[in-house]
Amino acid sequence: MSEEKKDGLIEIGKNEKINKDILENIPDMLAYSEKGPETEIAIEKMDESAGSMMNEKLSLGGIVAAGQQRQASEKREKEIEKILEKGLDEVYLAMPEAKRVEFRLAGEKTLHKINDLIEKGRASMKTIIDLIRSWLSLVPGVNKFFLEQEAKIKADEIMNINKQHYAK
């Protein structure tokens, strides 16, 4: 597949070469890049029309930015998950097994919807309350007032995460 050349370059494709040291350090560059979006690596590419080698720069900025965005989304999702599950241990354990599975799956779906709303900047208190209320209504025999109160408390805490997300 790739073959090392005596000049320290590795062939990565037809008429494309990359420095061996750079190729080996790409994972480190992605993980520990201090330059962020400006990170680039040079690739030598054969210019077939001129028959000579030319240097081309490959920007890792998009890859680094996407990785950082994904990490932020995962962190926010864990925070939202903690809020949603807070105080529901006894309720969850009291449910029959089939209802637990349904409740857990609906909770995960709610979690992803809320995180997506925050990420897209479309999160509103009403929307989040509605999503949480719909999810909590799956609890058998739940008191309507408890459901409303829990939905509002959880939505308020989630909106604080939303404010933190946009304060950055």
Protein backbone atom coordinates (compact mmCIF):
# COMPACT_ATOMS: atom_id res chain seq x y z
CA MET A 1 0.00 0.00 0.00
CA SER A 2 2.48 2.68 1.15
CA GLU A 3 6.13 2.41 0.40
CA GLU A 4 8.93 4.40 2.07
CA LYS A 5 11.30 6.27 -0.24
CA LYS A 6 14.94 7.07 0.52
CA ASP A 7 14.18 10.80 0.81
CA GLY A 8 12.01 10.20 3.94
CA LEU A 9 8.72 10.35 2.05
CA ILE A 10 6.03 7.68 1.98
CA GLU A 11 3.88 7.19 -1.09
CA ILE A 12 0.21 7.40 -0.02
CA GLY A 13 -1.44 7.20 -3.38
CA LYS A 14 -0.78 7.52 -7.06
CA ASN A 15 1.73 10.35 -7.40
CA GLU A 16 1.21 11.46 -3.76
CA LYS A 17 3.87 11.39 -1.07
CA ILE A 18 3.90 12.51 2.55
CA ASN A 19 6.73 12.92 5.04
CA LYS A 20 6.99 9.78 7.22
CA ASP A 21 7.40 11.78 10.45
CA ILE A 22 4.29 13.86 9.73
CA LEU A 23 2.24 10.79 8.88
CA GLU A 24 3.17 9.12 12.16
CA ASN A 25 2.33 12.27 14.17
CA ILE A 26 -1.08 13.07 12.67
CA PRO A 27 -3.00 11.53 15.63
CA ASP A 28 -0.93 13.63 18.04
CA MET A 29 -1.46 16.71 15.92
CA LEU A 30 -5.21 16.17 16.02
CA ALA A 31 -5.31 15.54 19.76
CA TYR A 32 -2.86 18.18 20.94
CA SER A 33 -2.98 20.87 18.30
CA GLU A 34 -2.31 24.27 19.82
CA LYS A 35 -2.80 26.04 16.52
CA GLY A 36 -6.33 24.66 16.10
CA PRO A 37 -7.82 25.38 12.67
CA GLU A 38 -4.47 26.57 11.27
CA THR A 39 -2.82 23.14 11.52
CA GLU A 40 -1.55 21.99 8.13
CA ILE A 41 0.60 19.21 6.75
CA ALA A 42 2.47 19.29 3.48
CA ILE A 43 1.94 16.65 0.82
CA GLU A 44 4.07 16.37 -2.27
CA LYS A 45 1.94 15.66 -5.29
CA MET A 46 3.01 14.92 -8.84
CA ASP A 47 1.78 17.56 -11.24
CA GLU A 48 1.01 15.33 -14.19
CA SER A 49 0.70 18.20 -16.67
CA ALA A 50 4.12 19.65 -15.84
CA GLY A 51 5.73 16.32 -14.91
CA SER A 52 7.18 17.73 -11.70
CA MET A 53 6.54 17.46 -7.97
CA MET A 54 4.52 20.20 -6.29
CA ASN A 55 3.76 20.82 -2.63
CA GLU A 56 0.19 20.84 -1.47
CA LYS A 57 -1.00 21.72 2.00
CA LEU A 58 -3.65 19.64 3.72
CA SER A 59 -5.44 21.54 6.46
CA LEU A 60 -6.33 19.58 9.56
CA GLY A 61 -8.30 22.51 10.93
CA GLY A 62 -11.68 21.14 9.91
CA ILE A 63 -10.85 17.78 11.45
CA VAL A 64 -9.61 19.36 14.68
CA ALA A 65 -12.63 21.70 14.92
CA ALA A 66 -15.05 18.83 14.29
CA GLY A 67 -13.35 16.75 16.98
CA GLN A 68 -13.55 19.59 19.47
CA GLN A 69 -17.21 20.18 18.63
CA ARG A 70 -17.98 16.47 19.09
CA GLN A 71 -16.22 16.48 22.48
CA ALA A 72 -18.24 19.50 23.60
CA SER A 73 -21.46 17.85 22.46
CA GLU A 74 -20.62 14.62 24.31
CA LYS A 75 -19.74 16.55 27.48
CA ARG A 76 -23.00 18.52 27.29
CA GLU A 77 -24.93 15.29 26.67
CA LYS A 78 -23.47 13.73 29.85
CA GLU A 79 -24.46 16.80 31.85
CA ILE A 80 -28.01 16.66 30.49
CA GLU A 81 -28.18 12.92 31.22
CA LYS A 82 -27.23 13.53 34.87
CA ILE A 83 -29.98 16.15 35.16
CA LEU A 84 -32.62 13.92 33.59
CA GLU A 85 -31.84 10.89 35.77
CA LYS A 86 -31.47 12.87 39.02
CA GLY A 87 -34.03 11.83 41.61
CA LEU A 88 -35.60 9.07 39.52
CA ASP A 89 -33.69 6.07 40.94
CA GLU A 90 -36.53 4.76 43.11
CA VAL A 91 -39.16 5.40 40.44
CA TYR A 92 -37.08 3.55 37.86
CA LEU A 93 -36.40 0.56 40.11
CA ALA A 94 -40.11 0.27 40.98
CA MET A 95 -41.07 -0.17 37.32
CA PRO A 96 -41.58 -3.58 35.72
CA GLU A 97 -38.68 -4.65 33.46
CA ALA A 98 -40.54 -4.03 30.18
CA LYS A 99 -41.50 -0.53 31.29
CA ARG A 100 -37.89 0.17 32.35
CA VAL A 101 -36.64 -0.61 28.85
CA GLU A 102 -39.29 1.61 27.27
CA PHE A 103 -38.55 4.41 29.76
CA ARG A 104 -34.78 4.17 29.24
CA LEU A 105 -35.09 4.22 25.42
CA ALA A 106 -37.48 7.16 25.52
CA GLY A 107 -35.10 8.93 27.92
CA GLU A 108 -32.18 8.45 25.54
CA LYS A 109 -34.26 9.77 22.66
CA THR A 110 -35.29 12.78 24.76
CA LEU A 111 -31.66 13.37 25.73
CA HIS A 112 -30.53 13.40 22.09
CA LYS A 113 -33.37 15.72 21.04
CA ILE A 114 -32.54 18.20 23.80
CA ASN A 115 -28.83 18.11 22.99
CA ASP A 116 -29.58 18.67 19.29
CA LEU A 117 -31.85 21.62 20.11
CA ILE A 118 -29.12 23.20 22.22
CA GLU A 119 -26.48 22.57 19.57
CA LYS A 120 -28.63 24.13 16.84
CA GLY A 121 -29.56 27.09 19.06
CA ARG A 122 -33.26 26.24 19.04
CA ALA A 123 -33.73 25.24 22.67
CA SER A 124 -36.57 26.97 24.45
CA MET A 125 -37.90 26.39 27.93
CA LYS A 126 -41.30 25.31 26.62
CA THR A 127 -39.86 22.81 24.14
CA ILE A 128 -37.61 21.23 26.75
CA ILE A 129 -40.44 21.05 29.31
CA ASP A 130 -42.67 19.38 26.72
CA LEU A 131 -39.99 16.80 25.88
CA ILE A 132 -39.31 15.99 29.53
CA ARG A 133 -43.02 15.90 30.41
CA SER A 134 -43.68 13.50 27.55
CA TRP A 135 -40.83 11.25 28.74
CA LEU A 136 -41.87 11.34 32.42
CA SER A 137 -45.47 10.55 31.52
CA LEU A 138 -44.28 7.01 30.77
CA VAL A 139 -43.90 6.42 34.52
CA PRO A 140 -46.90 4.33 35.57
CA GLY A 141 -49.24 6.08 38.03
CA VAL A 142 -47.24 9.30 38.09
CA ASN A 143 -48.84 12.27 39.81
CA LYS A 144 -49.61 15.05 37.32
CA PHE A 145 -48.27 17.74 39.65
CA PHE A 146 -45.05 15.79 40.34
CA LEU A 147 -44.58 15.34 36.60
CA GLU A 148 -45.04 19.06 35.90
CA GLN A 149 -42.77 20.11 38.76
CA GLU A 150 -39.98 17.68 37.79
CA ALA A 151 -40.18 18.72 34.13
CA LYS A 152 -39.81 22.40 35.05
CA ILE A 153 -36.93 21.81 37.47
CA LYS A 154 -35.04 19.66 34.97
CA ALA A 155 -35.74 22.07 32.10
CA ASP A 156 -34.46 24.99 34.17
CA GLU A 157 -31.19 23.16 34.91
CA ILE A 158 -30.83 22.23 31.24
CA MET A 159 -31.40 25.84 30.18
CA ASN A 160 -28.50 26.79 32.46
CA ILE A 161 -26.34 24.40 30.42
CA ASN A 162 -27.71 26.09 27.30
CA LYS A 163 -26.63 29.49 28.65
CA GLN A 164 -23.16 28.12 29.43
CA HIS A 165 -22.92 26.70 25.91
CA TYR A 166 -23.59 30.08 24.30
CA ALA A 167 -21.54 32.06 26.84
CA LYS A 168 -18.35 30.52 25.39
